[in-house]
Protein backbone atom coordinates (compact mmCIF):
# COMPACT_ATOMS: atom_id res chain seq x y z
CA MET A 1 154.06 98.20 68.66
CA LEU A 2 154.61 101.62 70.26
CA PHE A 3 151.41 102.85 68.49
CA ILE A 4 149.35 99.96 70.18
CA PHE A 5 150.80 100.92 73.55
CA LEU A 6 149.97 104.68 72.93
CA ILE A 7 146.41 103.93 71.74
CA CYS A 8 145.39 101.43 74.57
CA PRO A 9 145.13 104.14 77.34
CA ILE A 10 142.98 106.30 74.82
CA LEU A 11 140.44 103.20 74.43
CA LEU A 12 140.24 102.25 78.14
CA PHE A 13 139.47 105.96 79.14
CA ALA A 14 136.79 106.27 76.60
CA GLN A 15 135.22 102.92 77.78
CA SER A 16 135.24 104.13 81.63
CA ASP A 17 133.62 107.63 80.51
CA ASN A 18 130.66 105.75 78.77
CA ILE A 19 127.93 107.87 80.12
CA LEU A 20 124.45 107.87 78.88
CA VAL A 21 122.92 111.51 78.59
CA ILE A 22 119.20 111.34 79.60
CA GLN A 23 116.94 113.66 77.74
CA ARG A 24 114.53 116.22 79.01
CA LEU A 25 110.84 116.06 78.16
CA THR A 26 109.83 118.39 75.53
CA GLY A 27 106.10 118.37 76.26
CA PRO A 28 103.50 117.68 78.84
CA ILE A 29 102.56 113.91 79.82
CA GLU A 30 99.55 112.78 81.44
CA PHE A 31 100.66 110.20 84.23
CA ASP A 32 98.19 107.37 83.58
CA GLY A 33 100.79 104.40 82.88
CA LEU A 34 100.40 104.43 79.08
CA SER A 35 103.48 106.72 77.91
CA ASN A 36 101.57 107.21 74.62
CA GLU A 37 102.15 111.09 74.51
CA PRO A 38 104.51 112.77 71.86
CA ALA A 39 106.92 113.73 74.44
CA TRP A 40 107.76 110.12 75.23
CA GLU A 41 108.16 109.35 71.35
CA SER A 42 111.00 111.43 71.29
CA ILE A 43 112.83 109.27 73.92
CA PRO A 44 114.61 106.36 72.68
CA PRO A 45 114.32 103.08 74.43
CA LEU A 46 116.95 101.52 76.37
CA PRO A 47 118.57 98.28 74.84
CA VAL A 48 117.44 95.40 77.11
CA ILE A 49 119.03 92.01 77.22
CA MET A 50 117.83 88.69 79.16
CA TYR A 51 119.77 88.35 82.51
CA GLN A 52 117.79 85.08 83.40
CA PRO A 53 116.98 82.40 82.55
CA VAL A 54 119.54 82.33 79.48
CA TYR A 55 122.02 85.27 79.89
CA GLY A 56 122.60 87.22 76.56
CA LYS A 57 119.39 86.23 74.69
CA ASN A 58 116.98 88.67 73.54
CA PRO A 59 113.96 88.99 75.85
CA SER A 60 111.13 86.58 74.81
CA GLU A 61 108.49 89.60 75.05
CA LYS A 62 109.04 92.99 73.49
CA THR A 63 110.16 95.46 76.08
CA GLU A 64 110.51 99.27 75.87
CA ILE A 65 111.96 101.16 78.65
CA ARG A 66 112.48 104.74 78.94
CA ILE A 67 113.88 107.43 81.15
CA ALA A 68 113.29 111.01 81.03
CA TYR A 69 112.89 114.00 83.31
CA ASN A 70 111.70 117.45 83.70
CA ASP A 71 111.94 120.28 86.37
CA ASP A 72 110.06 118.50 88.81
CA TYR A 73 110.37 114.69 88.42
CA LEU A 74 112.46 111.73 86.93
CA PHE A 75 110.34 109.73 85.04
CA VAL A 76 110.48 106.02 83.97
CA SER A 77 108.11 104.32 81.51
CA GLY A 78 107.84 100.95 80.62
CA ARG A 79 106.01 99.27 77.61
CA LEU A 80 105.92 95.65 78.50
CA TYR A 81 104.21 93.86 75.76
CA ASP A 82 102.92 90.25 76.51
CA SER A 83 101.94 87.91 73.71
CA GLU A 84 99.76 86.03 76.37
CA PRO A 85 98.28 89.11 78.50
CA GLN A 86 95.83 86.71 80.11
CA LYS A 87 98.92 85.07 81.94
CA ILE A 88 100.33 88.45 83.59
CA GLN A 89 100.58 87.57 87.10
CA VAL A 90 99.75 89.60 90.25
CA VAL A 91 99.58 87.21 93.26
CA SER A 92 99.87 89.88 96.00
CA LEU A 93 98.89 93.55 96.60
CA GLU A 94 101.15 94.30 99.70
CA ARG A 95 103.04 97.16 99.73
CA ASP A 96 106.72 96.54 99.61
CA GLY A 97 106.07 92.80 99.70
CA GLY A 98 108.46 91.90 96.67
CA ALA A 99 106.32 88.65 95.81
CA LEU A 100 108.29 86.91 92.98
CA GLY A 101 104.85 85.68 91.90
CA ASN A 102 104.22 89.27 90.80
CA ASP A 103 105.18 90.59 87.36
CA TRP A 104 107.40 93.74 88.08
CA PHE A 105 108.99 96.71 86.55
CA GLY A 106 111.19 99.63 87.76
CA ILE A 107 114.47 100.86 88.25
CA VAL A 108 117.36 100.96 90.76
CA LEU A 109 118.96 104.44 91.11
CA ASP A 110 122.28 105.26 92.64
CA SER A 111 121.61 108.77 93.14
CA PHE A 112 125.20 109.61 94.41
CA ASP A 113 126.82 107.41 91.87
CA ASP A 114 128.74 105.89 94.83
CA ASN A 115 128.98 102.56 93.49
CA GLU A 116 127.87 101.37 96.81
CA ASN A 117 124.16 102.46 97.68
CA ALA A 118 121.20 102.68 95.43
CA PHE A 119 117.22 103.21 95.78
CA GLN A 120 114.70 100.90 94.13
CA PHE A 121 111.48 102.01 92.69
CA PHE A 122 109.38 99.15 91.33
CA THR A 123 105.55 98.65 90.45
CA THR A 124 103.31 95.86 89.19
CA PRO A 125 100.25 95.47 86.81
CA ALA A 126 98.07 96.10 89.77
CA GLY A 127 100.14 99.43 90.76
CA ASN A 128 101.70 98.08 93.57
CA ARG A 129 104.64 99.97 95.00
CA PHE A 130 107.92 98.82 96.16
CA ASP A 131 110.72 100.71 97.35
CA ALA A 132 113.70 99.95 99.25
CA ALA A 133 117.43 100.89 99.53
CA VAL A 134 120.34 98.85 98.61
CA ILE A 135 123.48 98.92 100.64
CA ASN A 136 127.05 97.59 100.52
CA ASP A 137 127.07 97.32 96.89
CA ALA A 138 124.47 94.47 96.82
CA GLU A 139 126.94 92.09 98.93
CA GLY A 140 125.60 89.80 101.69
CA ASP A 141 122.95 87.52 102.30
CA PHE A 142 120.15 90.33 102.25
CA PRO A 143 121.75 93.78 101.19
CA ILE A 144 118.14 95.55 100.90
CA ASN A 145 116.69 97.94 103.57
CA ILE A 146 112.81 97.50 102.88
CA ASN A 147 111.99 99.60 105.77
CA TRP A 148 113.26 102.52 103.77
CA ASN A 149 110.32 104.49 102.11
CA SER A 150 110.01 107.79 100.06
CA PHE A 151 107.61 110.03 98.35
CA TRP A 152 107.13 108.80 94.58
CA ASP A 153 104.21 107.55 92.46
CA ALA A 154 103.63 104.67 90.06
CA ALA A 155 100.66 104.10 87.58
CA SER A 156 99.94 100.98 85.84
CA VAL A 157 97.24 99.75 83.10
CA LYS A 158 96.82 96.16 81.68
CA ASN A 159 95.20 95.67 78.22
CA ASP A 160 95.27 93.13 75.27
CA LYS A 161 98.81 93.91 74.30
CA GLY A 162 100.39 93.54 77.71
CA TRP A 163 100.78 95.93 80.64
CA PHE A 164 102.23 99.41 80.83
CA ALA A 165 103.59 101.52 83.67
CA GLU A 166 105.11 104.73 84.50
CA ILE A 167 107.23 105.83 87.70
CA ARG A 168 108.00 109.30 88.57
CA VAL A 169 110.24 110.14 91.53
CA PRO A 170 110.21 113.91 92.63
CA TRP A 171 113.75 115.51 92.75
CA SER A 172 113.06 116.49 96.55
CA SER A 173 113.04 112.79 97.37
CA LEU A 174 116.40 112.15 95.73
CA ARG A 175 119.94 113.32 97.10
CA PHE A 176 122.55 113.96 94.56
CA GLN A 177 125.59 115.88 93.91
CA ARG A 178 125.90 118.61 91.30
CA LYS A 179 129.32 119.51 89.32
CA ASN A 180 129.09 122.34 86.72
CA ASP A 181 125.42 121.94 86.63
CA GLN A 182 125.71 118.24 85.68
CA ILE A 183 124.45 115.56 87.67
CA LYS A 184 125.89 112.07 87.47
CA MET A 185 123.97 108.98 88.81
CA GLY A 186 123.73 105.23 87.83
CA VAL A 187 120.81 103.31 86.81
CA ILE A 188 119.68 99.82 86.17
CA ALA A 189 116.39 98.95 85.03
CA TRP A 190 114.51 95.68 84.31
CA ARG A 191 111.33 93.89 83.81
CA TYR A 192 110.26 90.53 85.63
CA ILE A 193 108.03 88.14 83.99
CA ALA A 194 106.83 85.85 86.73
CA ARG A 195 105.58 82.91 84.69
CA LYS A 196 108.86 82.64 82.77
CA ASN A 197 111.12 83.75 85.67
CA GLU A 198 112.76 86.01 83.19
CA PHE A 199 114.52 89.33 83.66
CA ALA A 200 115.01 91.67 80.88
CA ILE A 201 117.74 94.20 82.10
CA PHE A 202 119.35 97.40 81.21
CA PRO A 203 122.53 97.74 81.07
CA ASN A 204 124.01 94.40 80.17
CA ILE A 205 124.81 92.98 83.58
CA PRO A 206 126.30 89.39 83.77
CA PRO A 207 124.91 86.89 86.36
CA ASN A 208 128.14 86.68 88.22
CA TRP A 209 126.67 87.92 91.57
CA ASP A 210 123.73 86.75 93.69
CA TRP A 211 122.44 90.31 93.57
CA GLY A 212 123.70 91.46 90.11
CA PHE A 213 120.49 92.84 89.00
CA ILE A 214 120.51 95.52 91.71
CA LYS A 215 124.21 96.02 92.03
CA PRO A 216 124.99 99.74 92.21
CA SER A 217 128.68 99.06 91.03
CA GLN A 218 127.20 97.57 87.55
CA ALA A 219 124.87 100.26 86.92
CA GLN A 220 125.09 102.33 83.78
CA ASP A 221 126.40 106.16 84.59
CA ILE A 222 123.61 108.57 83.27
CA SER A 223 123.93 112.27 83.16
CA LEU A 224 121.33 114.98 83.74
CA SER A 225 121.48 118.95 83.57
CA ASN A 226 119.77 122.00 84.48
CA ILE A 227 117.79 120.54 87.42
CA ASN A 228 117.14 123.23 90.03
CA SER A 229 117.72 121.95 93.39
CA GLN A 230 114.17 121.63 95.27
CA SER A 231 114.35 121.98 99.22
CA LEU A 232 112.82 118.93 100.77
CA LEU A 233 110.55 119.70 103.98
CA TYR A 234 108.23 117.24 105.26
CA ILE A 235 106.42 118.05 108.68
CA THR A 236 104.60 115.15 110.40
CA PRO A 237 102.82 116.28 113.39
CA TYR A 238 100.90 114.17 115.88
CA LEU A 239 98.42 114.60 118.76
CA LEU A 240 97.23 111.87 121.08
CA GLY A 241 94.49 112.22 123.77
CA GLY A 242 92.51 109.87 125.95
CA THR A 243 90.64 110.10 129.23
CA ALA A 244 89.86 107.73 132.02
CA GLN A 245 87.44 108.03 134.65
CA SER A 246 87.23 105.95 138.11
CA SER A 247 85.01 105.77 140.93
CA ARG A 248 85.41 105.36 144.44
CA THR A 249 83.04 105.31 147.64
CA ASN A 250 83.65 108.02 150.26
CA GLU A 251 84.70 106.99 153.61
CA SER A 252 81.11 106.62 154.79
CA GLU A 253 80.45 104.65 151.68
CA THR A 254 77.37 106.50 150.96
CA ARG A 255 78.00 108.01 147.75
CA TYR A 256 80.93 107.58 144.77
CA ASN A 257 83.30 110.17 144.14
CA PHE A 258 84.05 110.38 140.22
CA GLU A 259 87.74 110.91 139.25
CA SER A 260 88.92 111.73 135.60
CA ASP A 261 92.32 111.50 134.21
CA LEU A 262 93.11 113.38 131.21
CA SER A 263 96.19 112.25 129.02
CA LYS A 264 97.53 114.20 126.07
CA GLU A 265 100.85 113.90 123.73
CA LEU A 266 101.94 116.44 121.23
CA GLY A 267 104.93 115.95 119.00
CA LEU A 268 106.26 116.10 115.60
CA ASP A 269 108.85 114.75 113.11
CA LEU A 270 110.44 116.85 110.59
CA LYS A 271 112.55 116.26 107.38
CA TYR A 272 114.44 119.04 105.46
CA GLY A 273 116.81 119.03 102.67
CA ILE A 274 119.59 121.19 103.81
CA THR A 275 121.10 120.89 100.44
CA SER A 276 120.63 118.46 97.49
CA ASN A 277 123.07 116.12 99.20
CA LEU A 278 122.68 116.50 103.15
CA THR A 279 119.51 115.76 104.67
CA LEU A 280 118.09 116.72 108.36
CA ASP A 281 115.77 114.60 110.21
CA LEU A 282 114.43 116.32 113.34
CA THR A 283 112.13 114.60 116.03
CA LEU A 284 110.18 116.09 119.30
CA ASN A 285 108.54 114.08 121.71
CA THR A 286 108.64 111.06 119.30
CA ASP A 287 105.87 108.76 119.12
CA PHE A 288 106.66 105.43 116.89
CA ALA A 289 103.14 104.08 117.28
CA GLN A 290 102.59 104.09 113.46
CA VAL A 291 105.73 101.69 113.00
CA GLU A 292 105.26 98.21 111.65
CA SER A 293 105.34 95.71 114.31
CA ASP A 294 108.16 93.17 114.35
CA ASP A 295 108.06 89.79 112.80
CA PRO A 296 107.65 87.21 115.62
CA GLN A 297 110.74 85.15 116.47
CA VAL A 298 111.44 82.15 118.93
CA ASN A 299 114.63 82.67 121.17
CA LEU A 300 115.96 79.27 122.01
CA THR A 301 119.31 80.87 123.06
CA ARG A 302 120.50 82.74 126.15
CA PHE A 303 121.49 86.02 123.87
CA SER A 304 118.89 88.79 123.10
CA LEU A 305 117.10 88.70 119.62
CA PHE A 306 118.37 90.90 116.92
CA PHE A 307 115.49 92.99 115.37
CA PRO A 308 115.94 95.27 112.12
CA GLU A 309 115.24 99.01 112.80
CA LYS A 310 111.97 100.03 111.25
CA ARG A 311 111.29 103.47 112.43
CA LEU A 312 111.21 106.13 109.99
CA PHE A 313 113.63 108.65 111.45
CA PHE A 314 116.53 106.16 111.41
CA GLN A 315 116.06 105.16 107.72
CA GLU A 316 117.69 107.87 105.79
CA ARG A 317 121.13 106.92 104.70
CA ASP A 318 121.17 104.37 107.61
CA ASP A 319 124.10 102.31 105.69
CA ILE A 320 126.38 105.51 106.83
CA PHE A 321 126.31 104.39 110.56
CA ASN A 322 127.06 100.60 109.72
CA PHE A 323 130.26 99.62 111.53
CA THR A 324 130.29 95.77 111.60
CA PHE A 325 132.71 93.24 112.95
CA GLY A 326 130.96 90.53 110.84
CA GLY A 327 127.70 88.78 111.06
CA PRO A 328 124.83 90.79 113.05
CA THR A 329 127.44 92.32 115.56
CA LYS A 330 127.47 96.46 115.30
CA LEU A 331 129.01 99.33 117.19
CA PHE A 332 125.81 101.36 116.85
CA TYR A 333 122.51 99.53 117.00
CA SER A 334 119.76 102.16 116.88
CA ARG A 335 117.18 99.70 118.28
CA ARG A 336 118.83 100.76 121.81
CA ILE A 337 117.52 104.05 121.53
CA GLY A 338 113.80 104.54 122.94
CA LEU A 339 113.46 100.93 124.07
CA PHE A 340 114.35 99.09 126.93
CA ASP A 341 114.58 95.17 127.50
CA ILE A 342 113.29 94.45 130.90
CA GLY A 343 113.86 90.73 130.40
CA ASP A 344 113.06 87.74 128.28
CA ASP A 345 113.14 90.02 125.18
CA ASP A 346 110.09 91.97 126.56
CA TYR A 347 110.79 95.40 125.51
CA ARG A 348 109.20 98.65 126.71
CA GLN A 349 109.11 102.31 125.21
CA VAL A 350 111.25 104.84 126.74
CA PRO A 351 110.01 108.36 125.77
CA ILE A 352 112.18 110.33 123.67
CA ILE A 353 112.46 114.06 124.39
CA GLY A 354 113.94 114.72 120.93
CA GLY A 355 116.75 114.33 118.68
CA LEU A 356 118.39 115.40 115.13
CA ARG A 357 120.08 113.59 112.39
CA ILE A 358 122.16 114.66 109.46
CA THR A 359 123.07 112.54 106.73
CA GLY A 360 124.66 113.02 103.24
CA ARG A 361 127.59 112.77 100.76
CA ILE A 362 129.92 115.76 100.58
CA GLY A 363 132.28 115.17 97.58
CA LYS A 364 133.63 111.49 98.28
CA TRP A 365 132.79 111.81 101.75
CA ASP A 366 129.89 110.24 103.65
CA VAL A 367 128.85 112.17 106.72
CA GLY A 368 126.43 111.03 109.46
CA LEU A 369 125.74 112.81 112.76
CA LEU A 370 123.00 111.56 115.50
CA GLU A 371 122.05 113.28 118.73
CA MET A 372 119.14 111.71 120.78
CA GLN A 373 117.89 112.25 124.16
CA THR A 374 115.54 110.14 126.36
CA THR A 375 113.83 110.88 129.42
CA GLU A 376 113.54 108.81 132.75
CA ALA A 377 111.04 105.83 132.64
CA ARG A 378 109.56 103.53 135.21
CA PHE A 379 108.13 100.02 134.45
CA GLU A 380 106.60 97.36 136.48
CA GLU A 381 108.95 94.31 136.43
CA SER A 382 105.99 91.76 135.97
CA ASP A 383 102.53 91.17 136.80
CA GLU A 384 103.67 88.48 139.38
CA VAL A 385 106.33 90.60 141.22
CA ASP A 386 105.38 93.85 142.78
CA SER A 387 108.54 95.81 141.69
CA THR A 388 109.66 98.70 139.54
CA ILE A 389 112.21 99.23 137.23
CA THR A 390 113.66 102.79 136.95
CA VAL A 391 115.47 103.48 133.33
CA PRO A 392 117.34 106.88 133.80
CA SER A 393 117.43 109.50 131.20
CA GLU A 394 120.14 109.17 128.55
CA ASN A 395 121.92 110.78 125.78
CA PHE A 396 123.07 109.08 122.68
CA GLY A 397 125.57 110.47 120.08
CA VAL A 398 127.30 109.33 117.00
CA ALA A 399 129.48 110.62 114.53
CA ARG A 400 130.41 109.03 111.38
CA ILE A 401 132.52 109.65 108.26
CA ARG A 402 133.77 107.44 105.14
CA LYS A 403 135.65 108.58 102.16
CA GLN A 404 136.31 106.58 99.03
CA VAL A 405 140.01 105.93 98.36
CA PHE A 406 141.90 104.72 95.36
CA ASN A 407 138.82 103.61 93.46
CA PRO A 408 134.97 103.82 93.76
CA TYR A 409 134.82 100.45 95.43
CA SER A 410 137.19 101.07 98.32
CA TYR A 411 137.03 103.34 101.39
CA ILE A 412 138.37 104.23 104.96
CA GLY A 413 136.40 105.73 107.64
CA GLY A 414 136.06 106.28 111.46
CA ILE A 415 133.11 106.45 114.09
CA PHE A 416 132.47 107.92 117.41
CA THR A 417 129.82 106.83 119.70
CA SER A 418 128.82 108.04 123.10
CA ARG A 419 125.97 106.89 125.55
CA VAL A 420 125.61 109.13 128.62
CA GLY A 421 123.25 108.49 131.44
CA LYS A 422 122.00 110.91 134.29
CA SER A 423 123.49 108.60 136.85
CA ASP A 424 127.06 109.23 135.84
CA ASN A 425 127.21 106.23 133.84
CA SER A 426 128.64 106.73 130.23
CA ASN A 427 130.17 104.83 127.48
CA TYR A 428 132.56 106.09 124.71
CA ASN A 429 133.71 104.22 121.47
CA LEU A 430 136.07 105.38 118.89
CA GLY A 431 136.58 103.10 115.99
CA PHE A 432 138.44 103.05 112.32
CA ASP A 433 137.45 100.57 109.48
CA GLY A 434 138.18 100.16 105.73
CA SER A 435 137.57 98.19 102.86
CA LEU A 436 139.78 97.61 100.07
CA ARG A 437 138.76 95.94 96.64
């Protein structure tokens, strides 16, 4: 009996330390979706299992998923054989569409291995790309931020054996932590066959949760080594210009005087990887004209509508700034920055002078800092009423920290927000929160 008690902790430790070592590619590959180069042959496929419709069975179609890497990219390949290739489905070509009528293949990557957040990279037989961020360990009604986008590639090809795909994600697009030249992440890989409503998944995740197939805490821990950190630097400048010409008669109404009005705007957005685990976003004279428009909503209440944040500047690790009281209630709501509701959910854009944002993870600490400054703006109240609304310039600030405690699924944290207006109007909030699981 004493021997059993002594051996049990050893067995438990070995099980909790189950880390899959990912192999480095030993030769060149052609990024064409086929994954038929000798370098891929040396990479063993992952053992997949059926997630649904019947959990635990072998997949109905042969599925080979491999993960490898080199100095520049993390690679994922899928040999997705199909006994009836003519029935492979692609019903939508929409970017980030996520249509369940499509066949899908890809990975969920918990790059910080924090068991709470992850990134999704998926493609279809037509080469569609779907990327999104998973938040809150996939708990909640829709724990996915589909407005998050990154730089990565996908290639697919379909033939009489099925369809084949390759995904590559540059290291500069991922944030991760290094310890003794080792990088630890979590990964979930799966294939979805639309006509059968079938998931073939790795690792063996039971269907005990609504979003179990993307749940970071159930991901397989993987280890990678000898990856040189690549500094992320993306600069997106913009230039807007226009001219308007009007004509008016002189006082004697004998000739026209022409007047020209030239307008121009110049600004930029910058994303820089301070380290492999900290990212700086900088914006100057921001223009959000390229942002996807909001879905129409009908408001039958006296309260303002809640619209998700789609502007790219606010997307990097946006979950860090999440401080909720349940439901859609948030202490910090970034849509208040740069937009003003003049009434009846009629929003006008307030010019942003500039801002900076730092997000990332240091050890077990999640860190988020944000500072933005808007300028004064004037709007016509309505076409019927001849009156002007003046919005004073404001400064917005947020500081947020969280730390894992007790286990990978619990945390404590704090937040400080400020909103200071030119007319001496100000608002400050200090909050503390925690989650114990």
